[in-house]
Amino acid sequence: NENVLIPRQDTELLVETAIPLCNGKRVLDLCTG
């Protein structure tokens, strides 16, 4: 809704970059929206 930024396809690269690093890890998502 109007309270959050609309997720965009470009941001999927950030997720794809992080996923291999996160196995069994503690993860913080800053500015999560």
Full PDB file with SEQRES, HELIX, SHEET, SSBOND, CRYST1, ORIGX, SCALE, CONECT and MASTER records, all heavy atoms in Angstrom:
SEQRES   1 A   33  ASN GLU ASN VAL LEU ILE PRO ARG GLN ASP THR GLU LEU          
SEQRES   2 A   33  LEU VAL GLU THR ALA ILE PRO LEU CYS ASN GLY LYS ARG          
SEQRES   3 A   33  VAL LEU ASP LEU CYS THR GLY                                  
HELIX    1 AA1 GLN A    9  THR A   11  5                                   3    
HELIX    2 AA2 GLU A   12  ALA A   18  1                                   7    
HELIX    3 AA3 ILE A   19  LEU A   21  5                                   3    
CRYST1    1.000    1.000    1.000  90.00  90.00  90.00 P 1           1          
ORIGX1      1.000000  0.000000  0.000000        0.00000                         
ORIGX2      0.000000  1.000000  0.000000        0.00000                         
ORIGX3      0.000000  0.000000  1.000000        0.00000                         
SCALE1      1.000000  0.000000  0.000000        0.00000                         
SCALE2      0.000000  1.000000  0.000000        0.00000                         
SCALE3      0.000000  0.000000  1.000000        0.00000                         
ATOM      1  N   ASN A   1       0.863  -1.185   0.000  1.00  0.00           N  
ATOM      2  CA  ASN A   1       0.000   0.000   0.000  1.00  0.00           C  
ATOM      3  C   ASN A   1       0.895   1.229   0.000  1.00  0.00           C  
ATOM      4  O   ASN A   1       2.122   1.119  -0.143  1.00  0.00           O  
ATOM      5  CB  ASN A   1      -0.981  -0.025   1.182  1.00  0.00           C  
ATOM      6  CG  ASN A   1      -0.280   0.001   2.539  1.00  0.00           C  
ATOM      7  OD1 ASN A   1       0.905   0.344   2.653  1.00  0.00           O  
ATOM      8  ND2 ASN A   1      -1.005  -0.369   3.580  1.00  0.00           N  
ATOM      9  N   GLU A   2       0.263   2.395   0.175  1.00  0.00           N  
ATOM     10  CA  GLU A   2       1.004   3.655   0.052  1.00  0.00           C  
ATOM     11  C   GLU A   2       2.039   3.864   1.152  1.00  0.00           C  
ATOM     12  O   GLU A   2       2.812   4.831   1.108  1.00  0.00           O  
ATOM     13  CB  GLU A   2       0.022   4.830   0.047  1.00  0.00           C  
ATOM     14  CG  GLU A   2      -0.709   5.076   1.355  1.00  0.00           C  
ATOM     15  CD  GLU A   2      -1.893   4.164   1.585  1.00  0.00           C  
ATOM     16  OE1 GLU A   2      -2.171   3.318   0.699  1.00  0.00           O  
ATOM     17  OE2 GLU A   2      -2.556   4.291   2.637  1.00  0.00           O  
ATOM     18  N   ASN A   3       2.102   2.974   2.135  1.00  0.00           N  
ATOM     19  CA  ASN A   3       3.071   3.116   3.225  1.00  0.00           C  
ATOM     20  C   ASN A   3       4.402   2.432   2.938  1.00  0.00           C  
ATOM     21  O   ASN A   3       5.334   2.562   3.733  1.00  0.00           O  
ATOM     22  CB  ASN A   3       2.484   2.540   4.518  1.00  0.00           C  
ATOM     23  CG  ASN A   3       1.258   3.309   4.975  1.00  0.00           C  
ATOM     24  OD1 ASN A   3       1.276   4.531   5.054  1.00  0.00           O  
ATOM     25  ND2 ASN A   3       0.183   2.593   5.264  1.00  0.00           N  
ATOM     26  N   VAL A   4       4.477   1.700   1.825  1.00  0.00           N  
ATOM     27  CA  VAL A   4       5.720   0.985   1.515  1.00  0.00           C  
ATOM     28  C   VAL A   4       6.111   1.202   0.067  1.00  0.00           C  
ATOM     29  O   VAL A   4       5.264   1.398  -0.807  1.00  0.00           O  
ATOM     30  CB  VAL A   4       5.592  -0.531   1.793  1.00  0.00           C  
ATOM     31  CG1 VAL A   4       5.313  -0.783   3.259  1.00  0.00           C  
ATOM     32  CG2 VAL A   4       4.519  -1.172   0.922  1.00  0.00           C  
ATOM     33  N   LEU A   5       7.401   1.150  -0.181  1.00  0.00           N  
ATOM     34  CA  LEU A   5       7.920   1.207  -1.543  1.00  0.00           C  
ATOM     35  C   LEU A   5       7.479  -0.043  -2.298  1.00  0.00           C  
ATOM     36  O   LEU A   5       7.455  -1.146  -1.734  1.00  0.00           O  
ATOM     37  CB  LEU A   5       9.445   1.282  -1.507  1.00  0.00           C  
ATOM     38  CG  LEU A   5      10.177   1.667  -2.791  1.00  0.00           C  
ATOM     39  CD1 LEU A   5       9.966   3.137  -3.092  1.00  0.00           C  
ATOM     40  CD2 LEU A   5      11.666   1.359  -2.655  1.00  0.00           C  
ATOM     41  N   ILE A   6       7.126   0.112  -3.544  1.00  0.00           N  
ATOM     42  CA  ILE A   6       6.712  -1.031  -4.357  1.00  0.00           C  
ATOM     43  C   ILE A   6       7.939  -1.867  -4.714  1.00  0.00           C  
ATOM     44  O   ILE A   6       8.916  -1.348  -5.257  1.00  0.00           O  
ATOM     45  CB  ILE A   6       6.012  -0.550  -5.639  1.00  0.00           C  
ATOM     46  CG1 ILE A   6       4.727   0.208  -5.287  1.00  0.00           C  
ATOM     47  CG2 ILE A   6       5.695  -1.732  -6.555  1.00  0.00           C  
ATOM     48  CD1 ILE A   6       4.120   0.961  -6.458  1.00  0.00           C  
ATOM     49  N   PRO A   7       7.929  -3.164  -4.401  1.00  0.00           N  
ATOM     50  CA  PRO A   7       9.064  -4.021  -4.781  1.00  0.00           C  
ATOM     51  C   PRO A   7       9.260  -4.032  -6.287  1.00  0.00           C  
ATOM     52  O   PRO A   7       8.294  -4.093  -7.052  1.00  0.00           O  
ATOM     53  CB  PRO A   7       8.629  -5.410  -4.276  1.00  0.00           C  
ATOM     54  CG  PRO A   7       7.635  -5.141  -3.196  1.00  0.00           C  
ATOM     55  CD  PRO A   7       6.912  -3.900  -3.634  1.00  0.00           C  
ATOM     56  N   ARG A   8      10.515  -3.967  -6.692  1.00  0.00           N  
ATOM     57  CA  ARG A   8      10.841  -3.935  -8.114  1.00  0.00           C  
ATOM     58  C   ARG A   8      11.750  -5.097  -8.487  1.00  0.00           C  
ATOM     59  O   ARG A   8      12.517  -5.601  -7.660  1.00  0.00           O  
ATOM     60  CB  ARG A   8      11.504  -2.604  -8.465  1.00  0.00           C  
ATOM     61  CG  ARG A   8      10.512  -1.429  -8.449  1.00  0.00           C  
ATOM     62  CD  ARG A   8      11.223  -0.109  -8.348  1.00  0.00           C  
ATOM     63  NE  ARG A   8      10.349   1.018  -8.614  1.00  0.00           N  
ATOM     64  CZ  ARG A   8       9.520   1.562  -7.715  1.00  0.00           C  
ATOM     65  NH1 ARG A   8       9.433   1.058  -6.486  1.00  0.00           N  
ATOM     66  NH2 ARG A   8       8.774   2.600  -8.042  1.00  0.00           N  
ATOM     67  N   GLN A   9      11.692  -5.468  -9.756  1.00  0.00           N  
ATOM     68  CA  GLN A   9      12.474  -6.606 -10.222  1.00  0.00           C  
ATOM     69  C   GLN A   9      13.965  -6.389 -10.000  1.00  0.00           C  
ATOM     70  O   GLN A   9      14.701  -7.345  -9.710  1.00  0.00           O  
ATOM     71  CB  GLN A   9      12.194  -6.874 -11.698  1.00  0.00           C  
ATOM     72  CG  GLN A   9      12.867  -8.136 -12.222  1.00  0.00           C  
ATOM     73  CD  GLN A   9      12.542  -8.401 -13.679  1.00  0.00           C  
ATOM     74  OE1 GLN A   9      12.043  -7.532 -14.390  1.00  0.00           O  
ATOM     75  NE2 GLN A   9      12.836  -9.606 -14.140  1.00  0.00           N  
ATOM     76  N   ASP A  10      14.436  -5.157 -10.139  1.00  0.00           N  
ATOM     77  CA  ASP A  10      15.860  -4.876  -9.940  1.00  0.00           C  
ATOM     78  C   ASP A  10      16.336  -5.343  -8.567  1.00  0.00           C  
ATOM     79  O   ASP A  10      17.480  -5.779  -8.402  1.00  0.00           O  
ATOM     80  CB  ASP A  10      16.136  -3.382 -10.088  1.00  0.00           C  
ATOM     81  CG  ASP A  10      15.979  -2.897 -11.521  1.00  0.00           C  
ATOM     82  OD1 ASP A  10      16.028  -3.734 -12.430  1.00  0.00           O  
ATOM     83  OD2 ASP A  10      15.796  -1.683 -11.719  1.00  0.00           O  
ATOM     84  N   THR A  11      15.472  -5.235  -7.570  1.00  0.00           N  
ATOM     85  CA  THR A  11      15.844  -5.577  -6.198  1.00  0.00           C  
ATOM     86  C   THR A  11      16.020  -7.082  -6.018  1.00  0.00           C  
ATOM     87  O   THR A  11      16.653  -7.526  -5.053  1.00  0.00           O  
ATOM     88  CB  THR A  11      14.785  -5.038  -5.222  1.00  0.00           C  
ATOM     89  OG1 THR A  11      14.666  -3.620  -5.407  1.00  0.00           O  
ATOM     90  CG2 THR A  11      15.167  -5.290  -3.772  1.00  0.00           C  
ATOM     91  N   GLU A  12      15.508  -7.873  -6.943  1.00  0.00           N  
ATOM     92  CA  GLU A  12      15.689  -9.321  -6.849  1.00  0.00           C  
ATOM     93  C   GLU A  12      17.172  -9.688  -6.876  1.00  0.00           C  
ATOM     94  O   GLU A  12      17.588 -10.693  -6.297  1.00  0.00           O  
ATOM     95  CB  GLU A  12      14.930 -10.026  -7.969  1.00  0.00           C  
ATOM     96  CG  GLU A  12      13.415  -9.899  -7.829  1.00  0.00           C  
ATOM     97  CD  GLU A  12      12.652 -10.693  -8.875  1.00  0.00           C  
ATOM     98  OE1 GLU A  12      13.304 -11.298  -9.759  1.00  0.00           O  
ATOM     99  OE2 GLU A  12      11.409 -10.718  -8.799  1.00  0.00           O  
ATOM    100  N   LEU A  13      17.996  -8.864  -7.540  1.00  0.00           N  
ATOM    101  CA  LEU A  13      19.436  -9.127  -7.567  1.00  0.00           C  
ATOM    102  C   LEU A  13      20.028  -9.061  -6.164  1.00  0.00           C  
ATOM    103  O   LEU A  13      20.940  -9.839  -5.829  1.00  0.00           O  
ATOM    104  CB  LEU A  13      20.140  -8.128  -8.489  1.00  0.00           C  
ATOM    105  CG  LEU A  13      21.665  -8.273  -8.598  1.00  0.00           C  
ATOM    106  CD1 LEU A  13      22.045  -9.649  -9.145  1.00  0.00           C  
ATOM    107  CD2 LEU A  13      22.249  -7.170  -9.487  1.00  0.00           C  
ATOM    108  N   LEU A  14      19.539  -8.159  -5.325  1.00  0.00           N  
ATOM    109  CA  LEU A  14      20.014  -8.065  -3.945  1.00  0.00           C  
ATOM    110  C   LEU A  14      19.707  -9.359  -3.192  1.00  0.00           C  
ATOM    111  O   LEU A  14      20.547  -9.891  -2.459  1.00  0.00           O  
ATOM    112  CB  LEU A  14      19.361  -6.867  -3.245  1.00  0.00           C  
ATOM    113  CG  LEU A  14      19.717  -6.655  -1.769  1.00  0.00           C  
ATOM    114  CD1 LEU A  14      21.212  -6.405  -1.600  1.00  0.00           C  
ATOM    115  CD2 LEU A  14      18.917  -5.488  -1.203  1.00  0.00           C  
ATOM    116  N   VAL A  15      18.492  -9.872  -3.366  1.00  0.00           N  
ATOM    117  CA  VAL A  15      18.106 -11.129  -2.715  1.00  0.00           C  
ATOM    118  C   VAL A  15      18.948 -12.282  -3.240  1.00  0.00           C  
ATOM    119  O   VAL A  15      19.447 -13.111  -2.465  1.00  0.00           O  
ATOM    120  CB  VAL A  15      16.605 -11.406  -2.938  1.00  0.00           C  
ATOM    121  CG1 VAL A  15      16.212 -12.755  -2.337  1.00  0.00           C  
ATOM    122  CG2 VAL A  15      15.759 -10.296  -2.329  1.00  0.00           C  
ATOM    123  N   GLU A  16      19.134 -12.340  -4.551  1.00  0.00           N  
ATOM    124  CA  GLU A  16      19.912 -13.417  -5.160  1.00  0.00           C  
ATOM    125  C   GLU A  16      21.371 -13.374  -4.699  1.00  0.00           C  
ATOM    126  O   GLU A  16      22.022 -14.415  -4.569  1.00  0.00           O  
ATOM    127  CB  GLU A  16      19.829 -13.316  -6.677  1.00  0.00           C  
ATOM    128  CG  GLU A  16      18.443 -13.630  -7.220  1.00  0.00           C  
ATOM    129  CD  GLU A  16      18.255 -13.181  -8.663  1.00  0.00           C  
ATOM    130  OE1 GLU A  16      19.188 -12.555  -9.216  1.00  0.00           O  
ATOM    131  OE2 GLU A  16      17.177 -13.429  -9.236  1.00  0.00           O  
ATOM    132  N   THR A  17      21.886 -12.175  -4.451  1.00  0.00           N  
ATOM    133  CA  THR A  17      23.251 -12.034  -3.947  1.00  0.00           C  
ATOM    134  C   THR A  17      23.359 -12.542  -2.518  1.00  0.00           C  
ATOM    135  O   THR A  17      24.349 -13.185  -2.143  1.00  0.00           O  
ATOM    136  CB  THR A  17      23.691 -10.562  -4.004  1.00  0.00           C  
ATOM    137  OG1 THR A  17      23.648 -10.103  -5.361  1.00  0.00           O  
ATOM    138  CG2 THR A  17      25.100 -10.373  -3.452  1.00  0.00           C  
ATOM    139  N   ALA A  18      22.325 -12.286  -1.711  1.00  0.00           N  
ATOM    140  CA  ALA A  18      22.382 -12.609  -0.287  1.00  0.00           C  
ATOM    141  C   ALA A  18      22.089 -14.073   0.016  1.00  0.00           C  
ATOM    142  O   ALA A  18      22.651 -14.636   0.964  1.00  0.00           O  
ATOM    143  CB  ALA A  18      21.395 -11.722   0.473  1.00  0.00           C  
ATOM    144  N   ILE A  19      21.223 -14.694  -0.744  1.00  0.00           N  
ATOM    145  CA  ILE A  19      20.774 -16.058  -0.422  1.00  0.00           C  
ATOM    146  C   ILE A  19      21.929 -17.040  -0.204  1.00  0.00           C  
ATOM    147  O   ILE A  19      21.946 -17.771   0.801  1.00  0.00           O  
ATOM    148  CB  ILE A  19      19.791 -16.575  -1.493  1.00  0.00           C  
ATOM    149  CG1 ILE A  19      18.428 -15.911  -1.304  1.00  0.00           C  
ATOM    150  CG2 ILE A  19      19.640 -18.091  -1.409  1.00  0.00           C  
ATOM    151  CD1 ILE A  19      17.424 -16.245  -2.391  1.00  0.00           C  
ATOM    152  N   PRO A  20      22.944 -17.097  -1.078  1.00  0.00           N  
ATOM    153  CA  PRO A  20      24.031 -18.068  -0.856  1.00  0.00           C  
ATOM    154  C   PRO A  20      24.847 -17.790   0.403  1.00  0.00           C  
ATOM    155  O   PRO A  20      25.576 -18.674   0.877  1.00  0.00           O  
ATOM    156  CB  PRO A  20      24.911 -17.919  -2.106  1.00  0.00           C  
ATOM    157  CG  PRO A  20      24.036 -17.274  -3.122  1.00  0.00           C  
ATOM    158  CD  PRO A  20      23.113 -16.383  -2.353  1.00  0.00           C  
ATOM    159  N   LEU A  21      24.737 -16.579   0.940  1.00  0.00           N  
ATOM    160  CA  LEU A  21      25.524 -16.190   2.110  1.00  0.00           C  
ATOM    161  C   LEU A  21      24.817 -16.490   3.424  1.00  0.00           C  
ATOM    162  O   LEU A  21      25.410 -16.355   4.496  1.00  0.00           O  
ATOM    163  CB  LEU A  21      25.824 -14.688   2.055  1.00  0.00           C  
ATOM    164  CG  LEU A  21      26.416 -14.143   0.760  1.00  0.00           C  
ATOM    165  CD1 LEU A  21      26.463 -12.609   0.819  1.00  0.00           C  
ATOM    166  CD2 LEU A  21      27.807 -14.720   0.518  1.00  0.00           C  
ATOM    167  N   CYS A  22      23.538 -16.882   3.358  1.00  0.00           N  
ATOM    168  CA  CYS A  22      22.678 -16.870   4.541  1.00  0.00           C  
ATOM    169  C   CYS A  22      22.428 -18.227   5.181  1.00  0.00           C  
ATOM    170  O   CYS A  22      21.689 -18.310   6.168  1.00  0.00           O  
ATOM    171  CB  CYS A  22      21.326 -16.235   4.184  1.00  0.00           C  
ATOM    172  SG  CYS A  22      21.450 -14.485   3.790  1.00  0.00           S  
ATOM    173  N   ASN A  23      23.025 -19.287   4.684  1.00  0.00           N  
ATOM    174  CA  ASN A  23      22.771 -20.616   5.237  1.00  0.00           C  
ATOM    175  C   ASN A  23      23.192 -20.700   6.701  1.00  0.00           C  
ATOM    176  O   ASN A  23      24.362 -20.567   7.038  1.00  0.00           O  
ATOM    177  CB  ASN A  23      23.510 -21.669   4.409  1.00  0.00           C  
ATOM    178  CG  ASN A  23      23.236 -23.071   4.913  1.00  0.00           C  
ATOM    179  OD1 ASN A  23      22.171 -23.356   5.454  1.00  0.00           O  
ATOM    180  ND2 ASN A  23      24.204 -23.968   4.735  1.00  0.00           N  
ATOM    181  N   GLY A  24      22.217 -20.890   7.594  1.00  0.00           N  
ATOM    182  CA  GLY A  24      22.493 -20.999   9.019  1.00  0.00           C  
ATOM    183  C   GLY A  24      22.941 -19.709   9.664  1.00  0.00           C  
ATOM    184  O   GLY A  24      23.483 -19.717  10.775  1.00  0.00           O  
ATOM    185  N   LYS A  25      22.693 -18.567   9.010  1.00  0.00           N  
ATOM    186  CA  LYS A  25      23.196 -17.278   9.482  1.00  0.00           C  
ATOM    187  C   LYS A  25      22.084 -16.412  10.079  1.00  0.00           C  
ATOM    188  O   LYS A  25      20.897 -16.633   9.853  1.00  0.00           O  
ATOM    189  CB  LYS A  25      23.855 -16.514   8.326  1.00  0.00           C  
ATOM    190  CG  LYS A  25      24.954 -17.270   7.608  1.00  0.00           C  
ATOM    191  CD  LYS A  25      26.131 -17.576   8.517  1.00  0.00           C  
ATOM    192  CE  LYS A  25      27.274 -18.213   7.722  1.00  0.00           C  
ATOM    193  NZ  LYS A  25      28.438 -18.522   8.586  1.00  0.00           N  
ATOM    194  N   ARG A  26      22.515 -15.415  10.833  1.00  0.00           N  
ATOM    195  CA  ARG A  26      21.604 -14.401  11.369  1.00  0.00           C  
ATOM    196  C   ARG A  26      21.620 -13.215  10.406  1.00  0.00           C  
ATOM    197  O   ARG A  26      22.671 -12.646  10.120  1.00  0.00           O  
ATOM    198  CB  ARG A  26      22.039 -13.963  12.762  1.00  0.00           C  
ATOM    199  CG  ARG A  26      21.021 -13.090  13.478  1.00  0.00           C  
ATOM    200  CD  ARG A  26      21.374 -12.880  14.940  1.00  0.00           C  
ATOM    201  NE  ARG A  26      20.238 -12.277  15.650  1.00  0.00           N  
ATOM    202  CZ  ARG A  26      20.288 -11.119  16.317  1.00  0.00           C  
ATOM    203  NH1 ARG A  26      21.431 -10.440  16.389  1.00  0.00           N  
ATOM    204  NH2 ARG A  26      19.219 -10.644  16.920  1.00  0.00           N  
ATOM    205  N   VAL A  27      20.429 -12.829   9.918  1.00  0.00           N  
ATOM    206  CA  VAL A  27      20.311 -11.841   8.839  1.00  0.00           C  
ATOM    207  C   VAL A  27      19.500 -10.643   9.317  1.00  0.00           C  
ATOM    208  O   VAL A  27      18.450 -10.799   9.957  1.00  0.00           O  
ATOM    209  CB  VAL A  27      19.628 -12.465   7.609  1.00  0.00           C  
ATOM    210  CG1 VAL A  27      19.509 -11.435   6.486  1.00  0.00           C  
ATOM    211  CG2 VAL A  27      20.391 -13.698   7.131  1.00  0.00           C  
ATOM    212  N   LEU A  28      19.970  -9.442   8.972  1.00  0.00           N  
ATOM    213  CA  LEU A  28      19.244  -8.198   9.262  1.00  0.00           C  
ATOM    214  C   LEU A  28      18.870  -7.532   7.950  1.00  0.00           C  
ATOM    215  O   LEU A  28      19.727  -7.332   7.080  1.00  0.00           O  
ATOM    216  CB  LEU A  28      20.109  -7.253  10.091  1.00  0.00           C  
ATOM    217  CG  LEU A  28      19.565  -5.825  10.307  1.00  0.00           C  
ATOM    218  CD1 LEU A  28      18.268  -5.842  11.124  1.00  0.00           C  
ATOM    219  CD2 LEU A  28      20.617  -4.947  10.983  1.00  0.00           C  
ATOM    220  N   ASP A  29      17.596  -7.189   7.806  1.00  0.00           N  
ATOM    221  CA  ASP A  29      17.103  -6.447   6.641  1.00  0.00           C  
ATOM    222  C   ASP A  29      16.752  -5.037   7.105  1.00  0.00           C  
ATOM    223  O   ASP A  29      15.703  -4.810   7.690  1.00  0.00           O  
ATOM    224  CB  ASP A  29      15.881  -7.158   6.053  1.00  0.00           C  
ATOM    225  CG  ASP A  29      15.263  -6.410   4.873  1.00  0.00           C  
ATOM    226  OD1 ASP A  29      15.887  -5.451   4.390  1.00  0.00           O  
ATOM    227  OD2 ASP A  29      14.158  -6.798   4.444  1.00  0.00           O  
ATOM    228  N   LEU A  30      17.653  -4.087   6.824  1.00  0.00           N  
ATOM    229  CA  LEU A  30      17.444  -2.689   7.192  1.00  0.00           C  
ATOM    230  C   LEU A  30      16.568  -1.992   6.151  1.00  0.00           C  
ATOM    231  O   LEU A  30      16.726  -2.229   4.963  1.00  0.00           O  
ATOM    232  CB  LEU A  30      18.779  -1.958   7.282  1.00  0.00           C  
ATOM    233  CG  LEU A  30      19.602  -2.046   8.571  1.00  0.00           C  
ATOM    234  CD1 LEU A  30      20.920  -1.297   8.380  1.00  0.00           C  
ATOM    235  CD2 LEU A  30      18.852  -1.477   9.765  1.00  0.00           C  
ATOM    236  N   CYS A  31      15.672  -1.109   6.607  1.00  0.00           N  
ATOM    237  CA  CYS A  31      14.749  -0.407   5.704  1.00  0.00           C  
ATOM    238  C   CYS A  31      13.886  -1.427   4.962  1.00  0.00           C  
ATOM    239  O   CYS A  31      13.735  -1.376   3.742  1.00  0.00           O  
ATOM    240  CB  CYS A  31      15.494   0.476   4.710  1.00  0.00           C  
ATOM    241  SG  CYS A  31      16.688   1.621   5.448  1.00  0.00           S  
ATOM    242  N   THR A  32      13.274  -2.316   5.703  1.00  0.00           N  
ATOM    243  CA  THR A  32      12.614  -3.483   5.116  1.00  0.00           C  
ATOM    244  C   THR A  32      11.368  -3.156   4.318  1.00  0.00           C  
ATOM    245  O   THR A  32      11.014  -3.866   3.380  1.00  0.00           O  
ATOM    246  CB  THR A  32      12.284  -4.519   6.206  1.00  0.00           C  
ATOM    247  OG1 THR A  32      11.876  -5.735   5.592  1.00  0.00           O  
ATOM    248  CG2 THR A  32      11.170  -4.021   7.135  1.00  0.00           C  
ATOM    249  N   GLY A  33      10.629  -2.084   4.661  1.00  0.00           N  
ATOM    250  CA  GLY A  33       9.416  -1.738   3.924  1.00  0.00           C  
ATOM    251  C   GLY A  33       8.401  -2.853   3.968  1.00  0.00           C  
ATOM    252  O   GLY A  33       7.952  -3.277   5.040  1.00  0.00           O  
TER     253      GLY A  33                                                      
MASTER        0    0    0    3    0    0    0    6  252    1    0    3          
END                                                                             
